[in-house]
Amino acid sequence: MQKVALIRFDDGTAKIVVRDRSQPDGISDYFAKFLYAKRINTLEDMSGKLAEVLTETFKKHREAFPESIRRNGTERILDALRSEPSYDPENIEPLINAAFGPLSADSPVRKTLEKALDRAGLSEESFTVSAAAVPRPRKRQIRTNEGVQIIFDQDASGHTIKRDPLAGGGERITITTSGVTFDDAEPDDSRRRN
C-alpha cells in the first residue's frame, strides 16, 4: 500500500498513525490537508529522543562491546547522528552499524534498543536526524588502566588537557592549570561494614 492512516479516538481526541511511502520522513500534503493532521513531535524532538535511546542502550550494554567501541561509544553515537542520517525503523542496520558496529540478530543490545525505541515512540517513525538537536557533550571522561579518572569540560580539550600517544599503545596526558581547587581523599566504601 502507498498510503495508510489509522485513527484512534481517546476522550474525543484523535491520534493518527500515518504511513506514506511517497514521503517516508514526514506527512505528505495529502494527509496533512485531507485529515487536518500534523506531527506531534518535531524533527528536533525525535532526533533528541533517538540520541537518548542510543546512548542509554550503549550505557546499559557497555561491557558487551569490543574495546574499540566501549572506550568512546557515546562520542561515536553522537558523531553518527550529527552526520544527519535517515532513521527508518524498517532499515535500521546502517544506524546500528554506525552507532554500535555489527550486531547479531539475537543480540541483547538489539532487543534493548527495540524496546527503548518503542517506549520513545520511534518504532514507527521515519525521519532525517536534525544535527542541531543532537546534544553536544559538556564533559569528557577518561579512565586509564591504572585507575586514574579525569573528568573535564569538553572546551578544555587541547589547551588544558594534552594527550600524546606513546609507543606500545599508551598515552601521556598532561594537565595544565592555573590552580587546583579540590584535592581531597575519597574513602573506600567497597569494604563491608560490620
Protein backbone atom coordinates (compact mmCIF):
# COMPACT_ATOMS: atom_id res chain seq x y z
CA MET A 1 0.00 0.00 0.00
CA GLN A 2 1.16 3.50 -0.77
CA LYS A 3 -0.79 5.43 1.91
CA VAL A 4 -2.24 4.15 5.20
CA ALA A 5 -3.81 6.05 8.10
CA LEU A 6 -5.08 4.60 11.37
CA ILE A 7 -7.13 6.85 13.62
CA ARG A 8 -7.78 6.22 17.32
CA PHE A 9 -10.05 8.36 19.49
CA ASP A 10 -9.26 8.80 23.19
CA ASP A 11 -11.68 11.01 25.12
CA GLY A 12 -12.62 12.92 21.98
CA THR A 13 -9.04 13.46 20.87
CA ALA A 14 -7.93 11.83 17.65
CA LYS A 15 -4.48 10.30 17.26
CA ILE A 16 -3.42 9.35 13.76
CA VAL A 17 -0.73 6.93 12.69
CA VAL A 18 0.27 7.60 9.10
CA ARG A 19 2.46 5.60 6.74
CA ASP A 20 3.08 7.23 3.39
CA ARG A 21 5.68 5.56 1.19
CA SER A 22 5.81 8.59 -1.11
CA GLN A 23 7.18 10.68 1.79
CA PRO A 24 8.64 8.36 4.44
CA ASP A 25 10.12 11.09 6.64
CA GLY A 26 7.02 13.22 7.05
CA ILE A 27 3.31 13.54 6.44
CA SER A 28 2.54 14.21 2.82
CA ASP A 29 0.50 17.27 1.86
CA TYR A 30 -2.31 14.85 1.00
CA PHE A 31 -2.68 13.63 4.60
CA ALA A 32 -1.96 17.00 6.15
CA LYS A 33 -4.79 18.66 4.19
CA PHE A 34 -7.28 15.80 3.96
CA LEU A 35 -7.07 14.81 7.65
CA TYR A 36 -6.02 18.18 9.08
CA ALA A 37 -3.07 16.32 10.55
CA LYS A 38 0.31 17.43 11.76
CA ARG A 39 3.16 15.70 13.51
CA ILE A 40 3.06 15.73 17.30
CA ASN A 41 6.83 15.51 17.65
CA THR A 42 9.10 17.82 15.70
CA LEU A 43 12.20 16.51 13.94
CA GLU A 44 14.22 18.04 16.77
CA ASP A 45 12.16 16.16 19.39
CA MET A 46 12.58 12.85 17.58
CA SER A 47 16.30 13.45 16.96
CA GLY A 48 16.86 14.17 20.66
CA LYS A 49 14.88 11.07 21.67
CA LEU A 50 16.86 8.92 19.24
CA ALA A 51 20.16 10.22 20.68
CA GLU A 52 18.92 9.45 24.20
CA VAL A 53 17.74 5.94 23.27
CA LEU A 54 21.02 5.05 21.57
CA THR A 55 23.24 6.40 24.37
CA GLU A 56 21.19 4.75 27.12
CA THR A 57 21.27 1.42 25.23
CA PHE A 58 25.05 1.76 24.90
CA LYS A 59 25.49 2.54 28.61
CA LYS A 60 23.35 -0.44 29.61
CA HIS A 61 25.42 -2.84 27.49
CA ARG A 62 28.84 -1.10 27.52
CA GLU A 63 30.71 -4.21 28.69
CA ALA A 64 29.27 -6.32 25.83
CA PHE A 65 31.02 -4.24 23.15
CA PRO A 66 34.56 -4.67 21.90
CA GLU A 67 37.17 -2.34 23.42
CA SER A 68 37.29 -0.17 20.29
CA ILE A 69 33.60 0.72 20.75
CA ARG A 70 33.47 0.55 24.56
CA ARG A 71 36.11 3.23 25.05
CA ASN A 72 34.26 6.02 23.17
CA GLY A 73 30.79 4.71 22.39
CA THR A 74 28.82 7.83 23.35
CA GLU A 75 31.02 10.02 21.17
CA ARG A 76 30.67 7.52 18.32
CA ILE A 77 26.86 7.59 18.59
CA LEU A 78 26.63 11.39 18.71
CA ASP A 79 29.03 11.74 15.76
CA ALA A 80 26.95 9.28 13.74
CA LEU A 81 23.78 11.27 14.48
CA ARG A 82 25.42 14.62 13.67
CA SER A 83 26.01 13.37 10.12
CA GLU A 84 22.19 13.66 9.75
CA PRO A 85 21.40 10.09 8.77
CA SER A 86 17.95 8.93 7.82
CA TYR A 87 16.23 6.94 10.53
CA ASP A 88 13.93 4.28 9.13
CA PRO A 89 12.68 1.57 11.50
CA GLU A 90 12.32 -0.79 8.53
CA ASN A 91 16.00 -0.31 7.62
CA ILE A 92 17.80 0.38 10.89
CA GLU A 93 21.00 -1.55 10.10
CA PRO A 94 23.02 1.44 8.80
CA LEU A 95 22.34 3.34 12.03
CA ILE A 96 23.08 0.31 14.23
CA ASN A 97 26.39 -0.26 12.42
CA ALA A 98 27.39 3.40 12.75
CA ALA A 99 26.48 3.52 16.45
CA PHE A 100 27.41 0.06 17.75
CA GLY A 101 29.14 -1.83 14.97
CA PRO A 102 27.61 -5.02 13.56
CA LEU A 103 25.22 -6.85 15.91
CA SER A 104 23.87 -10.36 15.60
CA ALA A 105 20.13 -10.80 15.08
CA ASP A 106 19.72 -12.20 18.62
CA SER A 107 21.92 -9.62 20.34
CA PRO A 108 20.65 -8.39 23.74
CA VAL A 109 21.70 -4.89 22.63
CA ARG A 110 19.30 -5.11 19.69
CA LYS A 111 16.45 -6.25 21.98
CA THR A 112 17.06 -3.40 24.43
CA LEU A 113 17.19 -0.92 21.55
CA GLU A 114 13.90 -2.15 20.05
CA LYS A 115 12.09 -1.80 23.40
CA ALA A 116 13.56 1.65 24.03
CA LEU A 117 12.61 2.87 20.53
CA ASP A 118 9.06 1.65 21.13
CA ARG A 119 8.84 3.40 24.53
CA ALA A 120 10.15 6.63 22.96
CA GLY A 121 7.51 6.45 20.21
CA LEU A 122 10.10 5.97 17.48
CA SER A 123 9.42 2.38 16.43
CA GLU A 124 7.14 3.50 13.59
CA GLU A 125 8.63 6.91 12.73
CA SER A 126 10.85 7.67 9.73
CA PHE A 127 12.78 10.94 9.64
CA THR A 128 16.09 12.59 8.87
CA VAL A 129 18.01 13.34 12.06
CA SER A 130 18.48 17.03 12.85
CA ALA A 131 22.14 17.57 13.76
CA ALA A 132 21.22 20.72 15.68
CA ALA A 133 19.08 18.63 18.06
CA VAL A 134 21.82 16.11 18.83
CA PRO A 135 23.27 17.07 22.22
CA ARG A 136 26.88 18.17 22.41
CA PRO A 137 28.77 16.59 25.30
CA ARG A 138 29.69 19.09 28.03
CA LYS A 139 32.06 16.85 29.93
CA ARG A 140 34.63 14.35 28.75
CA GLN A 141 35.78 11.45 30.92
CA ILE A 142 39.00 9.47 30.63
CA ARG A 143 39.80 6.35 32.67
CA THR A 144 43.17 4.67 32.48
CA ASN A 145 44.29 1.08 33.10
CA GLU A 146 46.00 2.34 36.25
CA GLY A 147 42.71 3.54 37.78
CA VAL A 148 43.19 7.25 37.06
CA GLN A 149 39.99 9.08 36.17
CA ILE A 150 39.93 12.54 34.59
CA ILE A 151 36.70 14.48 34.03
CA PHE A 152 36.93 17.82 32.25
CA ASP A 153 34.93 20.31 30.22
CA GLN A 154 34.94 19.46 26.53
CA ASP A 155 36.11 23.01 25.77
CA ALA A 156 39.33 22.38 27.75
CA SER A 157 40.47 19.67 25.34
CA GLY A 158 43.59 20.76 23.51
CA HIS A 159 44.78 23.68 25.65
CA THR A 160 44.25 22.43 29.23
CA ILE A 161 44.40 18.69 28.53
CA LYS A 162 47.08 17.48 26.13
CA ARG A 163 47.25 13.85 25.00
CA ASP A 164 50.34 12.42 23.31
CA PRO A 165 50.41 8.81 22.07
CA LEU A 166 53.30 6.63 23.24
CA ALA A 167 54.85 3.56 21.68
CA GLY A 168 53.04 0.40 22.70
CA GLY A 169 49.58 1.98 22.81
CA GLY A 170 49.97 4.10 25.93
CA GLU A 171 49.40 7.83 26.27
CA ARG A 172 50.97 10.73 28.11
CA ILE A 173 48.23 13.00 29.45
CA THR A 174 49.34 16.46 30.56
CA ILE A 175 47.08 18.82 32.51
CA THR A 176 47.99 22.49 32.60
CA THR A 177 46.10 24.52 35.20
CA SER A 178 46.11 27.97 36.75
CA GLY A 179 45.41 26.39 40.16
CA VAL A 180 43.91 23.35 41.95
CA THR A 181 40.56 23.95 43.70
CA PHE A 182 39.89 20.44 45.05
CA ASP A 183 42.41 17.83 46.21
CA ASP A 184 40.81 15.51 48.75
CA ALA A 185 40.80 11.79 49.56
CA GLU A 186 37.95 9.51 48.51
CA PRO A 187 37.10 6.87 51.16
CA ASP A 188 36.99 3.22 50.10
CA ASP A 189 33.36 2.19 50.51
CA SER A 190 33.85 -1.21 48.88
CA ARG A 191 34.60 -2.98 52.17
CA ARG A 192 31.77 -4.40 54.18
CA ARG A 193 30.86 -2.53 57.29
CA ASN A 194 30.35 -4.58 60.44
